[in-house]
Amino acid sequence: MTAAVPRSASSGDGPVLGRLVPLLAVETATTLVGAAFVEGLDRASGAPRVRWAGRQGGREHAELLAPAIDEVCGKDGLGAVRCVAVDLGPGRFTGLRVGVATAKALGQALGVGVLGVRSTDVLAWAAAEWLSGGGTVDADGGWPPVVVAVDARRGEVFTATYHLGPGVVPGHGATGAAAVRVVSPEAWAGEVEEARRRQGRVVVAGDGAVRYLERLTTTDGVQLADDPDGLPLGAPLPRALALLALDRLAAGDVPMSAAEVVPEYGREADVRVNWAQRIAPPVATAPGAGRRRAPEAEG
């Protein structure tokens, strides 16, 4: 698939991007597994030429990622890569381990830097593209806040609120920064409704938003962003990761060495929590008290 012109990379520092493409993006933070390959910039418009592939993988991140990379890079593309971008999370532990380990290995093998990007930033970028391209920006040119929610399992979400607009790159600088927190679906719904009351309208994105939209008391003034195919924007897409990486590089972000890259899990893995609960001393309960429900398994 070929990408549309991103909002700022096409007008960014061409020489800088020229030194960092071809670029490979690795996306495994949620159940969608895939990769994107920026083979170069169009000489006339400066727009990136992108191929990407993604599939719903459940827990088969390791089995699906390598074929996706082969598909987008083609026979000789991988050896030409000058920068690797990877979704650091938060998201699913298994997926993040696979994706970050693959990006680090590729960075070391190819001798190139690795640019880490948060999953919430990728979703915010995609929501901004939808806003700017779908005619849903306010009549006065104002942008509604974007509240991202990534399903954290265990009845929680990773959430971050972005205040975007022309020239704002999610995750870059003070204007694009957004703190990521772990909250309950009810707390997330309360934050969305509060943002709607203050601003009149709010956009939501992420698989957590898709899953828990029904927790809102009303959806008036709340819009769920769409992906490029017109479907609800649930998973961070490899294409969006690649184009955000270009925007970040054009804005001045510098790739790290492969050794410096680490996942951003956002909390302890379920296996550690379950083990801690197993070895914790028993808690006395009243006779007849019900058993505690086991925590939801993490992918």
Protein backbone atom coordinates (compact mmCIF):
# COMPACT_ATOMS: atom_id res chain seq x y z
CA MET A 1 0.00 0.00 0.00
CA THR A 2 1.16 3.55 -0.70
CA ALA A 3 0.95 6.23 1.97
CA ALA A 4 -0.54 9.66 1.67
CA VAL A 5 1.70 12.67 2.27
CA PRO A 6 2.28 13.01 6.03
CA ARG A 7 1.44 16.32 7.65
CA SER A 8 4.97 17.55 8.29
CA ALA A 9 7.58 15.15 6.98
CA SER A 10 6.98 16.31 3.42
CA SER A 11 7.89 19.86 4.44
CA GLY A 12 10.65 18.92 6.88
CA ASP A 13 14.41 18.81 6.47
CA GLY A 14 14.88 16.89 3.21
CA PRO A 15 18.63 16.37 3.59
CA VAL A 16 18.15 14.93 7.10
CA LEU A 17 15.48 12.48 5.94
CA GLY A 18 17.53 11.64 2.88
CA ARG A 19 20.27 10.33 5.14
CA LEU A 20 17.82 8.22 7.18
CA VAL A 21 15.83 6.51 4.44
CA PRO A 22 15.23 3.78 3.51
CA LEU A 23 13.55 3.37 6.91
CA LEU A 24 11.99 0.22 8.34
CA ALA A 25 9.20 0.44 10.96
CA VAL A 26 8.35 -2.51 13.22
CA GLU A 27 4.90 -2.60 14.86
CA THR A 28 3.95 -5.28 17.43
CA ALA A 29 2.52 -3.37 20.41
CA THR A 30 -1.01 -4.77 20.14
CA THR A 31 -2.64 -7.72 18.41
CA LEU A 32 -1.77 -6.22 15.01
CA VAL A 33 1.66 -7.30 13.78
CA GLY A 34 3.35 -5.69 10.82
CA ALA A 35 6.06 -3.59 9.25
CA ALA A 36 6.43 -0.61 6.93
CA PHE A 37 9.25 0.27 4.57
CA VAL A 38 9.94 3.84 3.46
CA GLU A 39 11.95 3.26 0.31
CA GLY A 40 12.61 6.94 -0.39
CA LEU A 41 11.19 10.40 -0.93
CA ASP A 42 9.55 11.56 -4.12
CA ARG A 43 11.90 14.00 -5.86
CA ALA A 44 9.14 16.33 -6.98
CA SER A 45 6.90 16.52 -3.90
CA GLY A 46 9.16 15.21 -1.15
CA ALA A 47 6.42 12.78 -0.13
CA PRO A 48 7.59 9.42 1.22
CA ARG A 49 7.02 6.23 -0.74
CA VAL A 50 5.81 3.63 1.75
CA ARG A 51 4.96 -0.05 1.54
CA TRP A 52 3.38 -1.68 4.59
CA ALA A 53 1.78 -4.90 5.72
CA GLY A 54 -0.08 -5.81 8.88
CA ARG A 55 -2.09 -8.76 10.17
CA GLN A 56 -4.04 -9.53 13.30
CA GLY A 57 -1.79 -11.97 15.10
CA GLY A 58 -3.24 -12.64 18.53
CA ARG A 59 -0.13 -13.93 20.29
CA GLU A 60 1.72 -15.02 17.14
CA HIS A 61 3.90 -11.91 16.95
CA ALA A 62 7.13 -13.84 16.42
CA GLU A 63 5.64 -16.00 13.66
CA LEU A 64 4.15 -13.06 11.72
CA LEU A 65 6.74 -10.31 12.05
CA ALA A 66 9.56 -11.77 9.92
CA PRO A 67 7.27 -12.51 6.93
CA ALA A 68 5.87 -8.97 7.15
CA ILE A 69 9.38 -7.50 7.05
CA ASP A 70 10.27 -9.68 4.08
CA GLU A 71 7.07 -8.63 2.30
CA VAL A 72 7.62 -4.87 2.61
CA CYS A 73 11.39 -4.83 2.10
CA GLY A 74 11.49 -7.10 -0.91
CA LYS A 75 14.59 -8.94 -2.03
CA ASP A 76 17.22 -6.23 -1.52
CA GLY A 77 15.51 -3.57 0.60
CA LEU A 78 16.55 -4.73 4.05
CA GLY A 79 20.25 -4.30 3.39
CA ALA A 80 19.66 -0.69 2.34
CA VAL A 81 17.88 0.34 5.58
CA ARG A 82 19.47 3.36 7.27
CA CYS A 83 17.15 3.67 10.28
CA VAL A 84 14.81 1.33 12.16
CA ALA A 85 11.70 2.66 13.93
CA VAL A 86 9.93 0.55 16.54
CA ASP A 87 6.84 0.87 18.70
CA LEU A 88 8.12 0.77 22.30
CA GLY A 89 4.68 0.47 23.88
CA PRO A 90 2.83 0.49 26.10
CA GLY A 91 0.97 -2.54 24.88
CA ARG A 92 1.15 -6.31 25.07
CA PHE A 93 4.23 -7.70 26.77
CA THR A 94 4.83 -10.54 24.32
CA GLY A 95 4.44 -8.30 21.30
CA LEU A 96 6.72 -5.59 22.71
CA ARG A 97 9.45 -8.09 23.54
CA VAL A 98 9.33 -9.51 20.00
CA GLY A 99 9.23 -6.14 18.25
CA VAL A 100 11.90 -4.40 20.30
CA ALA A 101 14.23 -7.41 20.19
CA THR A 102 13.84 -7.58 16.40
CA ALA A 103 14.49 -3.84 15.98
CA LYS A 104 17.58 -4.03 18.20
CA ALA A 105 18.92 -7.04 16.30
CA LEU A 106 18.37 -5.33 12.96
CA GLY A 107 19.96 -2.11 14.19
CA GLN A 108 23.04 -3.98 15.38
CA ALA A 109 23.30 -6.15 12.27
CA LEU A 110 22.88 -3.22 9.87
CA GLY A 111 24.89 -0.75 11.93
CA VAL A 112 22.06 1.82 12.00
CA GLY A 113 20.23 3.76 14.71
CA VAL A 114 16.84 2.85 16.17
CA LEU A 115 14.08 5.39 16.80
CA GLY A 116 11.67 4.33 19.54
CA VAL A 117 8.11 5.69 19.46
CA ARG A 118 5.25 5.18 21.92
CA SER A 119 2.11 3.38 20.79
CA THR A 120 -0.04 6.25 22.06
CA ASP A 121 1.96 8.68 19.89
CA VAL A 122 1.35 6.51 16.82
CA LEU A 123 -2.39 6.45 17.49
CA ALA A 124 -2.44 10.22 18.08
CA TRP A 125 -0.63 10.78 14.75
CA ALA A 126 -3.17 8.61 12.94
CA ALA A 127 -6.06 10.44 14.63
CA ALA A 128 -4.54 13.78 13.59
CA GLU A 129 -4.25 12.57 10.00
CA TRP A 130 -7.91 11.55 10.11
CA LEU A 131 -8.87 14.93 11.54
CA SER A 132 -6.91 16.91 8.97
CA GLY A 133 -8.09 14.80 6.04
CA GLY A 134 -11.68 14.13 7.00
CA GLY A 135 -13.01 17.66 7.31
CA THR A 136 -13.69 17.27 11.02
CA VAL A 137 -11.51 20.12 12.29
CA ASP A 138 -13.62 22.85 13.88
CA ALA A 139 -14.83 25.67 11.62
CA ASP A 140 -12.53 28.13 13.39
CA GLY A 141 -9.53 25.89 12.70
CA GLY A 142 -9.35 24.54 16.24
CA TRP A 143 -8.59 20.90 16.92
CA PRO A 144 -10.43 18.86 19.56
CA PRO A 145 -8.33 17.00 22.13
CA VAL A 146 -7.41 13.42 21.23
CA VAL A 147 -7.71 10.91 24.08
CA VAL A 148 -5.93 7.66 23.27
CA ALA A 149 -6.65 4.41 25.11
CA VAL A 150 -4.61 1.23 24.59
CA ASP A 151 -6.14 -1.90 26.12
CA ALA A 152 -3.90 -2.88 29.05
CA ARG A 153 -5.92 -6.00 29.91
CA ARG A 154 -6.79 -6.71 33.56
CA GLY A 155 -9.67 -4.25 33.17
CA GLU A 156 -7.36 -1.26 32.62
CA VAL A 157 -6.19 1.00 29.80
CA PHE A 158 -3.05 2.99 29.04
CA THR A 159 -4.30 6.50 28.29
CA ALA A 160 -2.83 9.80 27.12
CA THR A 161 -4.45 13.07 26.04
CA TYR A 162 -2.99 15.06 23.13
CA HIS A 163 -3.61 18.65 22.10
CA LEU A 164 -2.70 18.63 18.44
CA GLY A 165 -2.77 21.00 15.53
CA PRO A 166 -0.81 21.96 12.41
CA GLY A 167 2.91 21.42 12.95
CA VAL A 168 2.48 19.52 16.24
CA VAL A 169 4.25 16.15 16.15
CA PRO A 170 3.00 13.61 18.75
CA GLY A 171 5.74 12.73 21.21
CA HIS A 172 8.08 15.55 20.13
CA GLY A 173 8.83 18.56 22.30
CA ALA A 174 6.58 20.26 24.81
CA THR A 175 3.69 20.73 22.37
CA GLY A 176 3.55 17.07 21.32
CA ALA A 177 4.20 15.48 24.71
CA ALA A 178 1.50 13.57 26.60
CA ALA A 179 1.84 11.64 29.84
CA VAL A 180 0.79 7.98 29.69
CA ARG A 181 -1.11 6.60 32.69
CA VAL A 182 -2.81 3.33 33.64
CA VAL A 183 -6.44 3.83 34.65
CA SER A 184 -9.69 1.92 34.83
CA PRO A 185 -12.16 2.11 31.93
CA GLU A 186 -14.49 4.10 34.16
CA ALA A 187 -11.76 6.64 34.95
CA TRP A 188 -10.92 6.87 31.24
CA ALA A 189 -14.57 7.46 30.38
CA GLY A 190 -14.72 10.20 33.02
CA GLU A 191 -11.68 11.92 31.50
CA VAL A 192 -13.21 11.75 28.02
CA GLU A 193 -16.47 13.25 29.26
CA GLU A 194 -14.63 15.99 31.15
CA ALA A 195 -12.63 16.87 28.02
CA ARG A 196 -15.87 17.00 26.04
CA ARG A 197 -17.47 19.32 28.59
CA ARG A 198 -14.47 21.67 28.46
CA GLN A 199 -13.88 21.64 24.72
CA GLY A 200 -17.28 20.76 23.30
CA ARG A 201 -15.88 17.86 21.29
CA VAL A 202 -13.29 15.13 21.76
CA VAL A 203 -11.74 12.45 19.54
CA VAL A 204 -10.82 9.01 20.91
CA ALA A 205 -8.62 6.30 19.40
CA GLY A 206 -7.09 2.94 20.31
CA ASP A 207 -8.31 -0.57 21.00
CA GLY A 208 -9.12 0.46 24.56
CA ALA A 209 -11.37 3.22 23.21
CA VAL A 210 -13.06 0.75 20.87
CA ARG A 211 -13.56 -1.76 23.67
CA TYR A 212 -14.78 0.63 26.36
CA LEU A 213 -16.66 3.29 24.38
CA GLU A 214 -19.88 1.93 25.85
CA ARG A 215 -18.72 3.01 29.32
CA LEU A 216 -19.39 6.64 28.36
CA THR A 217 -22.68 7.98 29.69
CA THR A 218 -23.17 9.70 26.32
CA THR A 219 -21.31 9.73 23.03
CA ASP A 220 -22.60 13.16 22.03
CA GLY A 221 -19.58 15.21 21.03
CA VAL A 222 -17.31 12.13 21.12
CA GLN A 223 -15.86 10.85 17.84
CA LEU A 224 -14.00 7.58 17.36
CA ALA A 225 -11.27 8.17 14.76
CA ASP A 226 -11.13 6.01 11.64
CA ASP A 227 -8.12 4.34 10.05
CA PRO A 228 -7.35 4.88 6.33
CA ASP A 229 -9.76 2.06 5.41
CA GLY A 230 -12.65 3.73 7.24
CA LEU A 231 -12.59 1.26 10.13
CA PRO A 232 -12.39 2.28 13.81
CA LEU A 233 -8.82 3.27 14.68
CA GLY A 234 -8.00 0.53 17.18
CA ALA A 235 -4.43 -0.68 16.62
CA PRO A 236 -1.35 1.41 15.86
CA LEU A 237 -0.67 0.77 12.17
CA PRO A 238 2.83 0.17 10.73
CA ARG A 239 2.18 2.87 8.15
CA ALA A 240 1.41 5.46 10.83
CA LEU A 241 4.49 4.43 12.81
CA ALA A 242 6.71 4.92 9.75
CA LEU A 243 5.25 8.32 8.88
CA LEU A 244 5.39 9.53 12.49
CA ALA A 245 9.02 8.40 12.63
CA LEU A 246 9.72 10.57 9.57
CA ASP A 247 7.96 13.50 11.22
CA ARG A 248 9.99 13.01 14.39
CA LEU A 249 13.26 12.78 12.47
CA ALA A 250 12.39 15.90 10.47
CA ALA A 251 11.61 17.69 13.75
CA GLY A 252 15.06 16.85 15.11
CA ASP A 253 14.71 13.59 17.03
CA VAL A 254 17.87 11.48 16.88
CA PRO A 255 17.85 7.66 16.65
CA MET A 256 19.45 5.77 19.54
CA SER A 257 21.98 3.00 19.40
CA ALA A 258 20.40 -0.43 19.44
CA ALA A 259 21.78 -1.11 22.91
CA GLU A 260 19.88 1.85 24.37
CA VAL A 261 16.43 0.78 23.17
CA VAL A 262 14.12 -0.75 25.79
CA PRO A 263 10.37 -1.46 25.78
CA GLU A 264 7.98 0.76 27.74
CA TYR A 265 5.73 -1.81 29.35
CA GLY A 266 3.90 0.68 31.56
CA ARG A 267 3.64 -1.83 34.43
CA GLU A 268 4.89 -5.21 35.59
CA ALA A 269 4.20 -8.26 33.47
CA ASP A 270 1.29 -10.49 34.49
CA VAL A 271 3.63 -13.41 35.15
CA ARG A 272 5.39 -11.41 37.89
CA VAL A 273 2.10 -10.25 39.39
CA ASN A 274 0.67 -13.77 39.35
CA TRP A 275 3.86 -15.19 40.90
CA ALA A 276 3.83 -12.53 43.63
CA GLN A 277 0.22 -13.40 44.42
CA ARG A 278 1.09 -17.10 44.51
CA ILE A 279 3.95 -16.70 47.01
CA ALA A 280 2.26 -14.00 49.11
CA PRO A 281 1.17 -15.14 52.58
CA PRO A 282 -2.48 -16.19 52.74
CA VAL A 283 -5.00 -13.59 53.85
CA ALA A 284 -7.58 -14.68 56.38
CA THR A 285 -11.13 -14.47 55.06
CA ALA A 286 -14.49 -14.85 56.67
CA PRO A 287 -16.14 -18.27 56.34
CA GLY A 288 -18.08 -18.53 53.12
CA ALA A 289 -16.30 -15.63 51.45
CA GLY A 290 -16.14 -15.98 47.67
CA ARG A 291 -12.94 -16.69 45.85
CA ARG A 292 -11.10 -13.86 44.20
CA ARG A 293 -11.38 -13.76 40.41
CA ALA A 294 -8.13 -14.61 38.62
CA PRO A 295 -6.55 -11.71 36.72
CA GLU A 296 -7.06 -11.58 32.96
CA ALA A 297 -4.22 -13.22 31.09
CA GLU A 298 -1.86 -10.94 29.18
CA GLY A 299 -0.88 -11.53 25.60
